[in-house]
Amino acid sequence: MTRVPESRRTERAAVNAVRTLLEGAHHIVQEIDGSNDFGEDLYVTFADGGSRTPHSIAIQVKGGRSFRRRQGYSVPVGAHGEEWRESNIPVICVVHDPDGDTLHWANATQQLRAAQAGGRTARTVRVPAGAALTGATLAEAVRQWRQYVRNARGLHAFLADLTGRDFDPGDYLSYFVNDCGEEAVFQQRPGEAFAMLWHRDLDWQPHPVTAERTGRMRDRVTPELLARLDPATAADPALVEQLMAHPFLDVPLAGTVVLNDAELSWLRACFAASDWMTRLPTR
């Protein structure tokens, strides 16, 4: 008699748990046939108020104790790194822990893009134990997934084309045009104590800025901070020398651009609107 491998039962329990949760909230779930499984198990199209939305994601489901780590869970990227990173819909990793019958998730596309932007190659997707996927947390997870989809093809895509930079959909971005037609972009990354100001008159090079209590824009440029800039900037000796020559970025910014009252008001509003992101975990 043919035996059913334990690994298959574990995998099916994981997929069924995810599918049951999503379909219970009336989302549309399409399971991918095993012969066509190249790194994703489910395609999900979200519903809202009984109506289909235009937002979809792919889900890679993993189940079993082997994915458990001290700080949560971990999913090996393997040969799927480029596909998950460059996918035109985000790929979400969900781990099913059989001991507690719990689900935990992470945005694989977001993590892999952030790693690439930092000059790193991610070999695993970190899945926090606190990122539980339950009936009570599903609505918030879906909100985040749909927001990621919207960002990836909306303002973020426009500003990426404008500046020639690859912004992560999880970043807070704001766009400004002054009365002379000069454009600027504000970028706040999750968990960062500083933001980045990008300005056309500065050739779209990043300038770290913070908001002090006085409302002035100031940040000390250190080798540690420079190491966290995008690889293209960190690899440009002339730009690094320029930034290090101005240990404080203040008004006028790096001695090249004078921020007028409207621009300063916009920056202050950006800091106020994105302050909550500084308290999020870093990617």
C-alpha atoms as a PDB file:
ATOM      1  CA  MET A   1       0.000   0.000   0.000  1.00  0.00           C
ATOM      2  CA  THR A   2       1.319   3.428  -0.960  1.00  0.00           C
ATOM      3  CA  ARG A   3       2.211   5.602   2.016  1.00  0.00           C
ATOM      4  CA  VAL A   4       1.411   9.299   2.204  1.00  0.00           C
ATOM      5  CA  PRO A   5       4.592  11.174   3.171  1.00  0.00           C
ATOM      6  CA  GLU A   6       4.412  13.194   6.380  1.00  0.00           C
ATOM      7  CA  SER A   7       5.804  16.186   4.487  1.00  0.00           C
ATOM      8  CA  ARG A   8       2.775  16.208   2.183  1.00  0.00           C
ATOM      9  CA  ARG A   9       0.351  16.225   5.119  1.00  0.00           C
ATOM     10  CA  THR A  10       2.295  19.106   6.685  1.00  0.00           C
ATOM     11  CA  GLU A  11       2.287  21.085   3.423  1.00  0.00           C
ATOM     12  CA  ARG A  12      -1.415  20.478   2.793  1.00  0.00           C
ATOM     13  CA  ALA A  13      -2.306  21.519   6.347  1.00  0.00           C
ATOM     14  CA  ALA A  14      -0.406  24.779   5.829  1.00  0.00           C
ATOM     15  CA  VAL A  15      -2.003  25.587   2.464  1.00  0.00           C
ATOM     16  CA  ASN A  16      -5.481  24.656   3.715  1.00  0.00           C
ATOM     17  CA  ALA A  17      -5.095  26.863   6.791  1.00  0.00           C
ATOM     18  CA  VAL A  18      -4.167  29.893   4.674  1.00  0.00           C
ATOM     19  CA  ARG A  19      -6.857  29.226   2.109  1.00  0.00           C
ATOM     20  CA  THR A  20      -9.568  28.731   4.743  1.00  0.00           C
ATOM     21  CA  LEU A  21      -8.664  31.990   6.478  1.00  0.00           C
ATOM     22  CA  LEU A  22      -8.682  34.056   3.265  1.00  0.00           C
ATOM     23  CA  GLU A  23     -11.797  32.508   1.782  1.00  0.00           C
ATOM     24  CA  GLY A  24     -13.553  32.927   5.113  1.00  0.00           C
ATOM     25  CA  ALA A  25     -13.090  36.679   4.601  1.00  0.00           C
ATOM     26  CA  HIS A  26     -14.530  36.357   1.055  1.00  0.00           C
ATOM     27  CA  HIS A  27     -11.236  36.887  -0.782  1.00  0.00           C
ATOM     28  CA  ILE A  28     -10.723  34.993  -4.037  1.00  0.00           C
ATOM     29  CA  VAL A  29      -8.068  32.286  -3.723  1.00  0.00           C
ATOM     30  CA  GLN A  30      -6.669  30.306  -6.634  1.00  0.00           C
ATOM     31  CA  GLU A  31      -4.396  27.396  -5.754  1.00  0.00           C
ATOM     32  CA  ILE A  32      -1.522  26.736  -8.133  1.00  0.00           C
ATOM     33  CA  ASP A  33      -1.268  23.187  -9.423  1.00  0.00           C
ATOM     34  CA  GLY A  34       1.771  21.351  -8.090  1.00  0.00           C
ATOM     35  CA  SER A  35       3.200  20.854 -11.577  1.00  0.00           C
ATOM     36  CA  ASN A  36       3.205  24.638 -12.030  1.00  0.00           C
ATOM     37  CA  ASP A  37       4.534  25.506  -8.564  1.00  0.00           C
ATOM     38  CA  PHE A  38       7.691  27.557  -9.092  1.00  0.00           C
ATOM     39  CA  GLY A  39       7.807  29.401  -5.792  1.00  0.00           C
ATOM     40  CA  GLU A  40       4.175  30.391  -5.218  1.00  0.00           C
ATOM     41  CA  ASP A  41       1.318  28.261  -3.922  1.00  0.00           C
ATOM     42  CA  LEU A  42      -1.647  30.639  -4.062  1.00  0.00           C
ATOM     43  CA  TYR A  43      -2.840  33.644  -6.024  1.00  0.00           C
ATOM     44  CA  VAL A  44      -5.175  35.889  -4.066  1.00  0.00           C
ATOM     45  CA  THR A  45      -7.426  38.639  -5.388  1.00  0.00           C
ATOM     46  CA  PHE A  46      -8.896  40.775  -2.635  1.00  0.00           C
ATOM     47  CA  ALA A  47     -12.566  41.541  -2.149  1.00  0.00           C
ATOM     48  CA  ASP A  48     -13.921  44.583  -0.346  1.00  0.00           C
ATOM     49  CA  GLY A  49     -17.525  44.851   0.767  1.00  0.00           C
ATOM     50  CA  GLY A  50     -18.498  41.927  -1.419  1.00  0.00           C
ATOM     51  CA  SER A  51     -16.891  43.383  -4.550  1.00  0.00           C
ATOM     52  CA  ARG A  52     -13.727  42.251  -6.295  1.00  0.00           C
ATOM     53  CA  THR A  53     -10.820  44.705  -6.137  1.00  0.00           C
ATOM     54  CA  PRO A  54      -8.001  45.116  -8.716  1.00  0.00           C
ATOM     55  CA  HIS A  55      -5.386  44.140  -6.116  1.00  0.00           C
ATOM     56  CA  SER A  56      -3.729  40.716  -6.118  1.00  0.00           C
ATOM     57  CA  ILE A  57      -0.798  39.010  -4.419  1.00  0.00           C
ATOM     58  CA  ALA A  58       0.995  35.672  -4.635  1.00  0.00           C
ATOM     59  CA  ILE A  59       1.630  33.586  -1.520  1.00  0.00           C
ATOM     60  CA  GLN A  60       4.377  31.072  -0.827  1.00  0.00           C
ATOM     61  CA  VAL A  61       3.206  28.791   1.989  1.00  0.00           C
ATOM     62  CA  LYS A  62       5.569  26.831   4.205  1.00  0.00           C
ATOM     63  CA  GLY A  63       4.623  24.489   7.023  1.00  0.00           C
ATOM     64  CA  GLY A  64       6.509  22.628   9.722  1.00  0.00           C
ATOM     65  CA  ARG A  65       8.867  23.068  12.643  1.00  0.00           C
ATOM     66  CA  SER A  66      11.939  23.279  10.401  1.00  0.00           C
ATOM     67  CA  PHE A  67      11.154  26.917   9.581  1.00  0.00           C
ATOM     68  CA  ARG A  68      11.108  27.980  13.226  1.00  0.00           C
ATOM     69  CA  ARG A  69      13.930  30.216  14.482  1.00  0.00           C
ATOM     70  CA  ARG A  70      14.761  31.867  17.802  1.00  0.00           C
ATOM     71  CA  GLN A  71      13.301  35.217  16.731  1.00  0.00           C
ATOM     72  CA  GLY A  72      10.436  33.859  14.658  1.00  0.00           C
ATOM     73  CA  TYR A  73      10.580  31.974  11.373  1.00  0.00           C
ATOM     74  CA  SER A  74      12.688  31.939   8.224  1.00  0.00           C
ATOM     75  CA  VAL A  75      11.915  30.945   4.643  1.00  0.00           C
ATOM     76  CA  PRO A  76      14.867  30.085   2.361  1.00  0.00           C
ATOM     77  CA  VAL A  77      14.912  32.146  -0.822  1.00  0.00           C
ATOM     78  CA  GLY A  78      16.734  29.513  -2.847  1.00  0.00           C
ATOM     79  CA  ALA A  79      16.462  30.066  -6.582  1.00  0.00           C
ATOM     80  CA  HIS A  80      13.426  32.347  -6.247  1.00  0.00           C
ATOM     81  CA  GLY A  81      15.263  35.555  -5.305  1.00  0.00           C
ATOM     82  CA  GLU A  82      14.976  37.369  -8.623  1.00  0.00           C
ATOM     83  CA  GLU A  83      11.427  36.175  -9.298  1.00  0.00           C
ATOM     84  CA  TRP A  84      10.137  37.264  -5.885  1.00  0.00           C
ATOM     85  CA  ARG A  85      12.041  40.572  -5.968  1.00  0.00           C
ATOM     86  CA  GLU A  86      11.031  41.580  -9.503  1.00  0.00           C
ATOM     87  CA  SER A  87       7.497  40.161  -9.459  1.00  0.00           C
ATOM     88  CA  ASN A  88       4.865  42.573 -10.740  1.00  0.00           C
ATOM     89  CA  ILE A  89       2.675  41.499  -7.830  1.00  0.00           C
ATOM     90  CA  PRO A  90       4.103  41.169  -4.317  1.00  0.00           C
ATOM     91  CA  VAL A  91       5.007  37.707  -3.053  1.00  0.00           C
ATOM     92  CA  ILE A  92       4.046  37.081   0.575  1.00  0.00           C
ATOM     93  CA  CYS A  93       5.608  34.257   2.586  1.00  0.00           C
ATOM     94  CA  VAL A  94       3.319  32.571   5.136  1.00  0.00           C
ATOM     95  CA  VAL A  95       4.595  29.989   7.622  1.00  0.00           C
ATOM     96  CA  HIS A  96       2.262  27.557   9.371  1.00  0.00           C
ATOM     97  CA  ASP A  97       3.482  26.414  12.786  1.00  0.00           C
ATOM     98  CA  PRO A  98       1.822  23.037  13.447  1.00  0.00           C
ATOM     99  CA  ASP A  99       2.403  23.104  17.211  1.00  0.00           C
ATOM    100  CA  GLY A 100       0.139  26.071  17.807  1.00  0.00           C
ATOM    101  CA  ASP A 101      -1.725  25.862  14.479  1.00  0.00           C
ATOM    102  CA  THR A 102      -0.651  29.471  13.859  1.00  0.00           C
ATOM    103  CA  LEU A 103       0.154  31.445  10.717  1.00  0.00           C
ATOM    104  CA  HIS A 104       2.839  34.132  10.375  1.00  0.00           C
ATOM    105  CA  TRP A 105       3.661  36.304   7.370  1.00  0.00           C
ATOM    106  CA  ALA A 106       6.254  38.569   5.764  1.00  0.00           C
ATOM    107  CA  ASN A 107       6.441  40.523   2.497  1.00  0.00           C
ATOM    108  CA  ALA A 108       9.176  38.681   0.589  1.00  0.00           C
ATOM    109  CA  THR A 109       9.216  41.156  -2.303  1.00  0.00           C
ATOM    110  CA  GLN A 110       9.692  44.093   0.069  1.00  0.00           C
ATOM    111  CA  GLN A 111      12.521  42.409   1.996  1.00  0.00           C
ATOM    112  CA  LEU A 112      14.392  41.350  -1.133  1.00  0.00           C
ATOM    113  CA  ARG A 113      14.123  44.802  -2.723  1.00  0.00           C
ATOM    114  CA  ALA A 114      15.324  46.447   0.480  1.00  0.00           C
ATOM    115  CA  ALA A 115      18.291  44.067   0.618  1.00  0.00           C
ATOM    116  CA  GLN A 116      19.219  44.826  -2.973  1.00  0.00           C
ATOM    117  CA  ALA A 117      18.936  48.588  -2.361  1.00  0.00           C
ATOM    118  CA  GLY A 118      21.369  48.123   0.534  1.00  0.00           C
ATOM    119  CA  GLY A 119      23.844  46.228  -1.640  1.00  0.00           C
ATOM    120  CA  ARG A 120      23.031  42.881  -0.018  1.00  0.00           C
ATOM    121  CA  THR A 121      21.725  39.547  -1.275  1.00  0.00           C
ATOM    122  CA  ALA A 122      19.085  38.090   1.030  1.00  0.00           C
ATOM    123  CA  ARG A 123      19.205  34.306   1.328  1.00  0.00           C
ATOM    124  CA  THR A 124      16.174  34.050   3.590  1.00  0.00           C
ATOM    125  CA  VAL A 125      12.925  35.894   4.215  1.00  0.00           C
ATOM    126  CA  ARG A 126      12.566  36.760   7.906  1.00  0.00           C
ATOM    127  CA  VAL A 127       9.080  36.094   9.249  1.00  0.00           C
ATOM    128  CA  PRO A 128       8.513  37.727  12.674  1.00  0.00           C
ATOM    129  CA  ALA A 129       6.683  35.670  15.252  1.00  0.00           C
ATOM    130  CA  GLY A 130       4.608  38.762  16.050  1.00  0.00           C
ATOM    131  CA  ALA A 131       3.324  39.030  12.482  1.00  0.00           C
ATOM    132  CA  ALA A 132       0.543  36.587  13.180  1.00  0.00           C
ATOM    133  CA  LEU A 133      -2.170  36.003  10.605  1.00  0.00           C
ATOM    134  CA  THR A 134      -5.507  35.359  12.328  1.00  0.00           C
ATOM    135  CA  GLY A 135      -9.136  36.243  11.903  1.00  0.00           C
ATOM    136  CA  ALA A 136      -8.494  39.297  14.079  1.00  0.00           C
ATOM    137  CA  THR A 137      -5.369  40.493  12.216  1.00  0.00           C
ATOM    138  CA  LEU A 138      -6.290  39.579   8.647  1.00  0.00           C
ATOM    139  CA  ALA A 139      -7.991  42.887   7.822  1.00  0.00           C
ATOM    140  CA  GLU A 140      -4.873  44.866   8.808  1.00  0.00           C
ATOM    141  CA  ALA A 141      -2.605  42.503   6.859  1.00  0.00           C
ATOM    142  CA  VAL A 142      -4.813  42.856   3.790  1.00  0.00           C
ATOM    143  CA  ARG A 143      -4.743  46.651   4.169  1.00  0.00           C
ATOM    144  CA  GLN A 144      -0.934  46.579   4.183  1.00  0.00           C
ATOM    145  CA  TRP A 145      -0.770  44.235   1.187  1.00  0.00           C
ATOM    146  CA  ARG A 146      -3.182  46.336  -0.850  1.00  0.00           C
ATOM    147  CA  GLN A 147      -1.330  49.527   0.087  1.00  0.00           C
ATOM    148  CA  TYR A 148       1.916  47.940  -1.080  1.00  0.00           C
ATOM    149  CA  VAL A 149       0.320  47.091  -4.429  1.00  0.00           C
ATOM    150  CA  ARG A 150      -1.024  50.640  -4.821  1.00  0.00           C
ATOM    151  CA  ASN A 151       2.318  52.225  -3.911  1.00  0.00           C
ATOM    152  CA  ALA A 152       4.251  50.018  -6.289  1.00  0.00           C
ATOM    153  CA  ARG A 153       2.318  51.276  -9.294  1.00  0.00           C
ATOM    154  CA  GLY A 154       1.343  54.789  -8.182  1.00  0.00           C
ATOM    155  CA  LEU A 155       3.330  57.655  -6.669  1.00  0.00           C
ATOM    156  CA  HIS A 156       6.357  55.468  -6.008  1.00  0.00           C
ATOM    157  CA  ALA A 157       6.644  54.466  -9.657  1.00  0.00           C
ATOM    158  CA  PHE A 158       6.295  58.101 -10.791  1.00  0.00           C
ATOM    159  CA  LEU A 159       8.994  59.322  -8.395  1.00  0.00           C
ATOM    160  CA  ALA A 160      11.296  56.432  -9.294  1.00  0.00           C
ATOM    161  CA  ASP A 161      11.063  57.476 -12.948  1.00  0.00           C
ATOM    162  CA  LEU A 162      11.575  61.143 -12.009  1.00  0.00           C
ATOM    163  CA  THR A 163      14.684  60.650  -9.867  1.00  0.00           C
ATOM    164  CA  GLY A 164      16.149  57.514 -11.410  1.00  0.00           C
ATOM    165  CA  ARG A 165      16.076  55.896  -7.969  1.00  0.00           C
ATOM    166  CA  ASP A 166      14.344  52.706  -6.836  1.00  0.00           C
ATOM    167  CA  PHE A 167      12.124  53.591  -3.873  1.00  0.00           C
ATOM    168  CA  ASP A 168      10.674  50.749  -1.845  1.00  0.00           C
ATOM    169  CA  PRO A 169       6.861  50.660  -1.803  1.00  0.00           C
ATOM    170  CA  GLY A 170       7.032  50.600   2.002  1.00  0.00           C
ATOM    171  CA  ASP A 171       8.695  54.044   2.100  1.00  0.00           C
ATOM    172  CA  TYR A 172       6.777  57.226   2.894  1.00  0.00           C
ATOM    173  CA  LEU A 173       7.217  59.622  -0.055  1.00  0.00           C
ATOM    174  CA  SER A 174       6.072  63.169  -0.709  1.00  0.00           C
ATOM    175  CA  TYR A 175       6.471  65.305  -3.850  1.00  0.00           C
ATOM    176  CA  PHE A 176       6.860  69.080  -3.999  1.00  0.00           C
ATOM    177  CA  VAL A 177       7.149  71.680  -6.786  1.00  0.00           C
ATOM    178  CA  ASN A 178       7.951  75.288  -5.872  1.00  0.00           C
ATOM    179  CA  ASP A 179       6.950  78.447  -7.716  1.00  0.00           C
ATOM    180  CA  CYS A 180      10.051  78.207  -9.918  1.00  0.00           C
ATOM    181  CA  GLY A 181       9.202  74.677 -11.034  1.00  0.00           C
ATOM    182  CA  GLU A 182      11.989  73.108  -8.936  1.00  0.00           C
ATOM    183  CA  GLU A 183      11.021  69.626  -7.767  1.00  0.00           C
ATOM    184  CA  ALA A 184      11.869  67.863  -4.525  1.00  0.00           C
ATOM    185  CA  VAL A 185      11.112  64.465  -2.986  1.00  0.00           C
ATOM    186  CA  PHE A 186      10.923  63.550   0.704  1.00  0.00           C
ATOM    187  CA  GLN A 187      11.643  59.914   1.636  1.00  0.00           C
ATOM    188  CA  GLN A 188      11.203  58.322   5.077  1.00  0.00           C
ATOM    189  CA  ARG A 189      12.140  54.682   5.494  1.00  0.00           C
ATOM    190  CA  PRO A 190      10.595  52.560   8.264  1.00  0.00           C
ATOM    191  CA  GLY A 191      12.597  52.670  11.469  1.00  0.00           C
ATOM    192  CA  GLU A 192      15.077  55.313  10.266  1.00  0.00           C
ATOM    193  CA  ALA A 193      15.876  58.235  12.581  1.00  0.00           C
ATOM    194  CA  PHE A 194      16.471  60.488   9.574  1.00  0.00           C
ATOM    195  CA  ALA A 195      14.775  61.120   6.237  1.00  0.00           C
ATOM    196  CA  MET A 196      16.198  61.732   2.774  1.00  0.00           C
ATOM    197  CA  LEU A 197      15.662  64.904   0.783  1.00  0.00           C
ATOM    198  CA  TRP A 198      16.067  64.606  -2.979  1.00  0.00           C
ATOM    199  CA  HIS A 199      16.166  67.822  -5.050  1.00  0.00           C
ATOM    200  CA  ARG A 200      16.430  68.340  -8.809  1.00  0.00           C
ATOM    201  CA  ASP A 201      18.957  71.160  -8.303  1.00  0.00           C
ATOM    202  CA  LEU A 202      21.138  68.680  -6.407  1.00  0.00           C
ATOM    203  CA  ASP A 203      21.045  66.232  -9.336  1.00  0.00           C
ATOM    204  CA  TRP A 204      18.705  63.980  -7.362  1.00  0.00           C
ATOM    205  CA  GLN A 205      21.437  63.023  -4.900  1.00  0.00           C
ATOM    206  CA  PRO A 206      20.194  62.014  -1.416  1.00  0.00           C
ATOM    207  CA  HIS A 207      20.696  64.375   1.523  1.00  0.00           C
ATOM    208  CA  PRO A 208      19.936  63.060   5.036  1.00  0.00           C
ATOM    209  CA  VAL A 209      17.780  65.435   7.068  1.00  0.00           C
ATOM    210  CA  THR A 210      16.121  65.420  10.491  1.00  0.00           C
ATOM    211  CA  ALA A 211      13.596  67.717  12.147  1.00  0.00           C
ATOM    212  CA  GLU A 212      14.871  69.253  15.368  1.00  0.00           C
ATOM    213  CA  ARG A 213      12.483  70.790  17.862  1.00  0.00           C
ATOM    214  CA  THR A 214      13.322  74.216  16.488  1.00  0.00           C
ATOM    215  CA  GLY A 215      12.083  73.058  13.090  1.00  0.00           C
ATOM    216  CA  ARG A 216      15.504  73.406  11.451  1.00  0.00           C
ATOM    217  CA  MET A 217      16.722  70.707   9.060  1.00  0.00           C
ATOM    218  CA  ARG A 218      19.975  69.287  10.415  1.00  0.00           C
ATOM    219  CA  ASP A 219      21.754  65.945  10.492  1.00  0.00           C
ATOM    220  CA  ARG A 220      25.378  64.994  11.089  1.00  0.00           C
ATOM    221  CA  VAL A 221      26.812  63.019   8.179  1.00  0.00           C
ATOM    222  CA  THR A 222      28.872  60.100   9.499  1.00  0.00           C
ATOM    223  CA  PRO A 223      30.540  57.128   7.809  1.00  0.00           C
ATOM    224  CA  GLU A 224      27.884  54.909   9.436  1.00  0.00           C
ATOM    225  CA  LEU A 225      25.087  56.982   7.913  1.00  0.00           C
ATOM    226  CA  LEU A 226      26.804  57.058   4.515  1.00  0.00           C
ATOM    227  CA  ALA A 227      27.005  53.269   4.601  1.00  0.00           C
ATOM    228  CA  ARG A 228      23.208  53.169   4.718  1.00  0.00           C
ATOM    229  CA  LEU A 229      22.758  55.257   1.590  1.00  0.00           C
ATOM    230  CA  ASP A 230      21.918  53.564  -1.668  1.00  0.00           C
ATOM    231  CA  PRO A 231      24.888  51.722  -3.233  1.00  0.00           C
ATOM    232  CA  ALA A 232      25.224  54.163  -6.151  1.00  0.00           C
ATOM    233  CA  THR A 233      25.730  57.055  -3.746  1.00  0.00           C
ATOM    234  CA  ALA A 234      28.067  55.203  -1.396  1.00  0.00           C
ATOM    235  CA  ALA A 235      30.193  54.104  -4.374  1.00  0.00           C
ATOM    236  CA  ASP A 236      30.664  57.652  -5.678  1.00  0.00           C
ATOM    237  CA  PRO A 237      33.900  59.006  -4.074  1.00  0.00           C
ATOM    238  CA  ALA A 238      33.206  62.566  -5.215  1.00  0.00           C
ATOM    239  CA  LEU A 239      29.738  62.602  -3.663  1.00  0.00           C
ATOM    240  CA  VAL A 240      30.971  61.001  -0.436  1.00  0.00           C
ATOM    241  CA  GLU A 241      33.691  63.661  -0.214  1.00  0.00           C
ATOM    242  CA  GLN A 242      31.107  66.393  -0.816  1.00  0.00           C
ATOM    243  CA  LEU A 243      28.815  65.058   1.899  1.00  0.00           C
ATOM    244  CA  MET A 244      31.644  64.619   4.401  1.00  0.00           C
ATOM    245  CA  ALA A 245      32.780  68.184   3.715  1.00  0.00           C
ATOM    246  CA  HIS A 246      29.421  69.371   5.071  1.00  0.00           C
ATOM    247  CA  PRO A 247      29.116  67.622   8.469  1.00  0.00           C
ATOM    248  CA  PHE A 248      25.830  69.414   8.966  1.00  0.00           C
ATOM    249  CA  LEU A 249      23.165  69.748   6.321  1.00  0.00           C
ATOM    250  CA  ASP A 250      21.343  72.937   7.151  1.00  0.00           C
ATOM    251  CA  VAL A 251      19.690  75.846   5.380  1.00  0.00           C
ATOM    252  CA  PRO A 252      21.079  76.659   2.832  1.00  0.00           C
ATOM    253  CA  LEU A 253      21.309  72.928   2.124  1.00  0.00           C
ATOM    254  CA  ALA A 254      24.938  71.870   1.602  1.00  0.00           C
ATOM    255  CA  GLY A 255      25.672  75.397   0.400  1.00  0.00           C
ATOM    256  CA  THR A 256      23.947  74.823  -2.934  1.00  0.00           C
ATOM    257  CA  VAL A 257      20.204  75.141  -2.459  1.00  0.00           C
ATOM    258  CA  VAL A 258      18.401  77.692  -0.322  1.00  0.00           C
ATOM    259  CA  LEU A 259      15.097  76.318   0.934  1.00  0.00           C
ATOM    260  CA  ASN A 260      12.398  78.956   0.863  1.00  0.00           C
ATOM    261  CA  ASP A 261       9.543  79.269   3.332  1.00  0.00           C
ATOM    262  CA  ALA A 262       7.204  77.103   1.252  1.00  0.00           C
ATOM    263  CA  GLU A 263       9.768  74.315   0.972  1.00  0.00           C
ATOM    264  CA  LEU A 264      10.520  74.425   4.695  1.00  0.00           C
ATOM    265  CA  SER A 265       6.802  74.299   5.499  1.00  0.00           C
ATOM    266  CA  TRP A 266       6.454  71.279   3.221  1.00  0.00           C
ATOM    267  CA  LEU A 267       9.417  69.526   4.884  1.00  0.00           C
ATOM    268  CA  ARG A 268       8.044  70.147   8.351  1.00  0.00           C
ATOM    269  CA  ALA A 269       4.671  68.776   7.269  1.00  0.00           C
ATOM    270  CA  CYS A 270       6.411  65.690   5.860  1.00  0.00           C
ATOM    271  CA  PHE A 271       8.219  65.072   9.145  1.00  0.00           C
ATOM    272  CA  ALA A 272       4.986  65.453  11.090  1.00  0.00           C
ATOM    273  CA  ALA A 273       3.067  63.131   8.743  1.00  0.00           C
ATOM    274  CA  SER A 274       5.758  60.412   8.676  1.00  0.00           C
ATOM    275  CA  ASP A 275       6.891  60.534  12.312  1.00  0.00           C
ATOM    276  CA  TRP A 276       5.024  57.302  13.095  1.00  0.00           C
ATOM    277  CA  MET A 277       7.234  55.443  10.592  1.00  0.00           C
ATOM    278  CA  THR A 278      10.384  56.149  12.616  1.00  0.00           C
ATOM    279  CA  ARG A 279       8.984  53.867  15.335  1.00  0.00           C
ATOM    280  CA  LEU A 280       8.512  50.888  13.004  1.00  0.00           C
ATOM    281  CA  PRO A 281      11.063  48.051  12.739  1.00  0.00           C
ATOM    282  CA  THR A 282      13.791  48.688  10.184  1.00  0.00           C
ATOM    283  CA  ARG A 283      13.745  46.557   7.069  1.00  0.00           C
END
